C-alpha atoms as a PDB file:
ATOM      1  CA  MET A   1      66.673  12.008   3.567  1.00  0.00           C
ATOM      2  CA  LYS A   2      67.636  12.144  -0.070  1.00  0.00           C
ATOM      3  CA  ARG A   3      71.183  12.085  -1.386  1.00  0.00           C
ATOM      4  CA  ASN A   4      72.739  15.500  -1.829  1.00  0.00           C
ATOM      5  CA  THR A   5      73.542  15.547  -5.556  1.00  0.00           C
ATOM      6  CA  TRP A   6      74.957  18.462  -7.521  1.00  0.00           C
ATOM      7  CA  GLN A   7      71.519  18.980  -9.076  1.00  0.00           C
ATOM      8  CA  ARG A   8      69.804  19.176  -5.715  1.00  0.00           C
ATOM      9  CA  GLU A   9      72.463  21.566  -4.417  1.00  0.00           C
ATOM     10  CA  ALA A  10      72.092  23.747  -7.538  1.00  0.00           C
ATOM     11  CA  VAL A  11      68.318  23.946  -6.982  1.00  0.00           C
ATOM     12  CA  ARG A  12      68.801  24.710  -3.271  1.00  0.00           C
ATOM     13  CA  GLU A  13      71.272  27.521  -4.059  1.00  0.00           C
ATOM     14  CA  ALA A  14      69.135  28.990  -6.844  1.00  0.00           C
ATOM     15  CA  LEU A  15      66.065  28.913  -4.628  1.00  0.00           C
ATOM     16  CA  GLY A  16      67.963  30.640  -1.831  1.00  0.00           C
ATOM     17  CA  SER A  17      68.978  33.468  -4.140  1.00  0.00           C
ATOM     18  CA  ASN A  18      65.331  34.511  -4.691  1.00  0.00           C
ATOM     19  CA  GLU A  19      63.545  36.872  -2.300  1.00  0.00           C
ATOM     20  CA  GLY A  20      60.093  35.563  -3.092  1.00  0.00           C
ATOM     21  CA  PHE A  21      58.276  32.483  -4.271  1.00  0.00           C
ATOM     22  CA  VAL A  22      59.309  31.143  -7.664  1.00  0.00           C
ATOM     23  CA  SER A  23      57.958  28.507 -10.037  1.00  0.00           C
ATOM     24  CA  ALA A  24      59.928  25.421 -11.012  1.00  0.00           C
ATOM     25  CA  GLN A  25      59.936  26.594 -14.620  1.00  0.00           C
ATOM     26  CA  SER A  26      61.300  30.017 -13.683  1.00  0.00           C
ATOM     27  CA  LEU A  27      63.983  28.455 -11.483  1.00  0.00           C
ATOM     28  CA  HIS A  28      64.870  26.014 -14.261  1.00  0.00           C
ATOM     29  CA  SER A  29      65.155  28.885 -16.726  1.00  0.00           C
ATOM     30  CA  SER A  30      67.502  30.817 -14.446  1.00  0.00           C
ATOM     31  CA  LEU A  31      69.658  27.725 -13.868  1.00  0.00           C
ATOM     32  CA  ARG A  32      69.857  27.071 -17.606  1.00  0.00           C
ATOM     33  CA  GLY A  33      70.747  30.732 -18.100  1.00  0.00           C
ATOM     34  CA  THR A  34      73.863  30.202 -15.994  1.00  0.00           C
ATOM     35  CA  GLY A  35      74.889  27.264 -18.170  1.00  0.00           C
ATOM     36  CA  SER A  36      73.565  24.449 -16.002  1.00  0.00           C
ATOM     37  CA  PRO A  37      72.536  21.310 -17.922  1.00  0.00           C
ATOM     38  CA  ILE A  38      69.908  20.441 -15.270  1.00  0.00           C
ATOM     39  CA  GLY A  39      66.579  19.166 -16.583  1.00  0.00           C
ATOM     40  CA  LEU A  40      63.152  20.559 -15.732  1.00  0.00           C
ATOM     41  CA  ALA A  41      61.942  17.243 -14.262  1.00  0.00           C
ATOM     42  CA  THR A  42      64.971  17.216 -11.960  1.00  0.00           C
ATOM     43  CA  VAL A  43      64.145  20.740 -10.767  1.00  0.00           C
ATOM     44  CA  TYR A  44      60.551  19.688 -10.042  1.00  0.00           C
ATOM     45  CA  ARG A  45      61.740  16.622  -8.096  1.00  0.00           C
ATOM     46  CA  ALA A  46      64.332  18.568  -6.109  1.00  0.00           C
ATOM     47  CA  LEU A  47      61.827  21.285  -5.182  1.00  0.00           C
ATOM     48  CA  ALA A  48      59.248  18.722  -4.087  1.00  0.00           C
ATOM     49  CA  ASP A  49      61.855  16.936  -1.962  1.00  0.00           C
ATOM     50  CA  LEU A  50      63.046  20.203  -0.393  1.00  0.00           C
ATOM     51  CA  ALA A  51      59.449  21.096   0.470  1.00  0.00           C
ATOM     52  CA  VAL A  52      58.779  17.695   2.059  1.00  0.00           C
ATOM     53  CA  GLU A  53      61.976  17.974   4.107  1.00  0.00           C
ATOM     54  CA  GLY A  54      61.094  21.492   5.316  1.00  0.00           C
ATOM     55  CA  GLU A  55      63.878  23.288   3.444  1.00  0.00           C
ATOM     56  CA  ALA A  56      61.398  25.025   1.145  1.00  0.00           C
ATOM     57  CA  ASP A  57      57.929  26.457   1.539  1.00  0.00           C
ATOM     58  CA  SER A  58      55.408  25.902  -1.204  1.00  0.00           C
ATOM     59  CA  LEU A  59      52.119  27.509  -2.081  1.00  0.00           C
ATOM     60  CA  GLN A  60      49.778  27.542  -5.005  1.00  0.00           C
ATOM     61  CA  SER A  61      49.426  30.693  -7.100  1.00  0.00           C
ATOM     62  CA  LEU A  62      46.025  32.031  -8.074  1.00  0.00           C
ATOM     63  CA  GLU A  63      46.594  30.341 -11.453  1.00  0.00           C
ATOM     64  CA  GLY A  64      47.125  26.981  -9.735  1.00  0.00           C
ATOM     65  CA  GLU A  65      50.891  26.800 -10.257  1.00  0.00           C
ATOM     66  CA  SER A  66      53.088  25.535  -7.410  1.00  0.00           C
ATOM     67  CA  LEU A  67      55.563  28.137  -6.188  1.00  0.00           C
ATOM     68  CA  TYR A  68      58.549  27.549  -3.909  1.00  0.00           C
ATOM     69  CA  ARG A  69      60.749  29.560  -1.568  1.00  0.00           C
ATOM     70  CA  ALA A  70      63.739  28.617   0.568  1.00  0.00           C
ATOM     71  CA  CYS A  71      62.939  28.686   4.263  1.00  0.00           C
ATOM     72  CA  THR A  72      64.478  28.056   7.630  1.00  0.00           C
ATOM     73  CA  PRO A  73      64.007  24.342   8.341  1.00  0.00           C
ATOM     74  CA  GLY A  74      62.165  23.353  11.495  1.00  0.00           C
ATOM     75  CA  GLN A  75      60.695  26.769  12.249  1.00  0.00           C
ATOM     76  CA  HIS A  76      56.968  27.316  11.915  1.00  0.00           C
ATOM     77  CA  HIS A  77      56.299  30.672  10.299  1.00  0.00           C
ATOM     78  CA  HIS A  78      53.938  32.594   8.095  1.00  0.00           C
ATOM     79  CA  HIS A  79      54.478  34.913   5.141  1.00  0.00           C
ATOM     80  CA  LEU A  80      53.641  38.369   3.906  1.00  0.00           C
ATOM     81  CA  ILE A  81      53.698  38.112   0.111  1.00  0.00           C
ATOM     82  CA  CYS A  82      53.525  40.944  -2.408  1.00  0.00           C
ATOM     83  CA  ARG A  83      51.026  39.889  -5.033  1.00  0.00           C
ATOM     84  CA  ASN A  84      52.728  42.137  -7.587  1.00  0.00           C
ATOM     85  CA  CYS A  85      56.484  41.506  -7.324  1.00  0.00           C
ATOM     86  CA  GLY A  86      56.492  38.380  -5.111  1.00  0.00           C
ATOM     87  CA  LEU A  87      58.646  39.858  -2.334  1.00  0.00           C
ATOM     88  CA  THR A  88      58.144  37.595   0.681  1.00  0.00           C
ATOM     89  CA  VAL A  89      58.795  38.250   4.356  1.00  0.00           C
ATOM     90  CA  GLU A  90      58.675  35.529   7.004  1.00  0.00           C
ATOM     91  CA  ILE A  91      56.620  36.655   9.994  1.00  0.00           C
ATOM     92  CA  GLU A  92      55.641  35.305  13.389  1.00  0.00           C
ATOM     93  CA  ALA A  93      51.972  35.436  14.247  1.00  0.00           C
ATOM     94  CA  ASP A  94      51.485  34.588  17.916  1.00  0.00           C
ATOM     95  CA  ALA A  95      47.830  35.669  17.823  1.00  0.00           C
ATOM     96  CA  VAL A  96      47.178  33.224  14.955  1.00  0.00           C
ATOM     97  CA  GLU A  97      48.887  30.410  16.864  1.00  0.00           C
ATOM     98  CA  LEU A  98      46.756  31.026  19.962  1.00  0.00           C
ATOM     99  CA  TRP A  99      43.579  31.324  17.901  1.00  0.00           C
ATOM    100  CA  ALA A 100      44.247  28.052  16.025  1.00  0.00           C
ATOM    101  CA  LYS A 101      44.860  26.134  19.254  1.00  0.00           C
ATOM    102  CA  SER A 102      41.816  27.674  20.907  1.00  0.00           C
ATOM    103  CA  VAL A 103      39.433  26.968  18.019  1.00  0.00           C
ATOM    104  CA  ALA A 104      40.718  23.418  17.687  1.00  0.00           C
ATOM    105  CA  ALA A 105      40.304  22.739  21.419  1.00  0.00           C
ATOM    106  CA  GLU A 106      36.843  24.312  21.410  1.00  0.00           C
ATOM    107  CA  HIS A 107      35.767  21.720  18.857  1.00  0.00           C
ATOM    108  CA  GLY A 108      37.570  18.781  20.475  1.00  0.00           C
ATOM    109  CA  PHE A 109      40.520  18.727  18.050  1.00  0.00           C
ATOM    110  CA  THR A 110      44.114  18.173  19.093  1.00  0.00           C
ATOM    111  CA  GLN A 111      47.431  18.767  17.323  1.00  0.00           C
ATOM    112  CA  PRO A 112      46.125  21.560  15.079  1.00  0.00           C
ATOM    113  CA  ASN A 113      48.139  22.432  12.008  1.00  0.00           C
ATOM    114  CA  HIS A 114      47.633  25.467   9.787  1.00  0.00           C
ATOM    115  CA  VAL A 115      49.076  27.595   7.010  1.00  0.00           C
ATOM    116  CA  VAL A 116      48.612  31.352   6.966  1.00  0.00           C
ATOM    117  CA  ASP A 117      49.957  33.510   4.161  1.00  0.00           C
ATOM    118  CA  VAL A 118      48.989  37.171   3.905  1.00  0.00           C
ATOM    119  CA  PHE A 119      48.959  38.714   0.433  1.00  0.00           C
ATOM    120  CA  GLY A 120      49.164  42.431  -0.279  1.00  0.00           C
ATOM    121  CA  LEU A 121      51.386  45.016  -1.939  1.00  0.00           C
ATOM    122  CA  CYS A 122      54.871  45.751  -0.616  1.00  0.00           C
ATOM    123  CA  ALA A 123      55.882  49.377  -0.025  1.00  0.00           C
ATOM    124  CA  ALA A 124      57.619  49.719  -3.411  1.00  0.00           C
ATOM    125  CA  CYS A 125      54.671  48.281  -5.357  1.00  0.00           C
ATOM    126  CA  SER A 126      52.246  50.419  -3.351  1.00  0.00           C
ATOM    127  CA  ARG A 127      54.183  53.543  -4.353  1.00  0.00           C
ATOM    128  CA  THR A 128      54.160  52.449  -8.000  1.00  0.00           C
ATOM    129  CA  ALA A 129      50.434  51.666  -7.870  1.00  0.00           C
ATOM    130  CA  GLY A 130      49.784  55.108  -6.368  1.00  0.00           C
ATOM    131  CA  GLU A 131      51.621  56.791  -9.253  1.00  0.00           C
ATOM    132  CA  GLU A 132      49.360  55.231 -11.889  1.00  0.00           C
END
């Protein structure tokens, strides 16, 4: 486990204040906007460490950029993600868990691991899209 520095704590708090996934650059910009002297490389390092330690989820955007979100450590979960505004909801997916174990066993695999994120439009973005 890494040392808990003020920079790491600032990144953890800033990440926790977002409802969806956020890029390192966006998080850095918001931290700098509050007067923090934290550097972009430090934000990248802290986010990567938080992801490795299970305190943050990460995914890759369609453009290939890594995005991060604070999560509950130690709990396996999946996400519903609005592809317009980024709103993210953690969900349980028991059917997916059973399917993954079953397919793995069917092919002689053990200890299956998977990532499932479902992208769509949240209710607010759906209403906006319907107005256009």
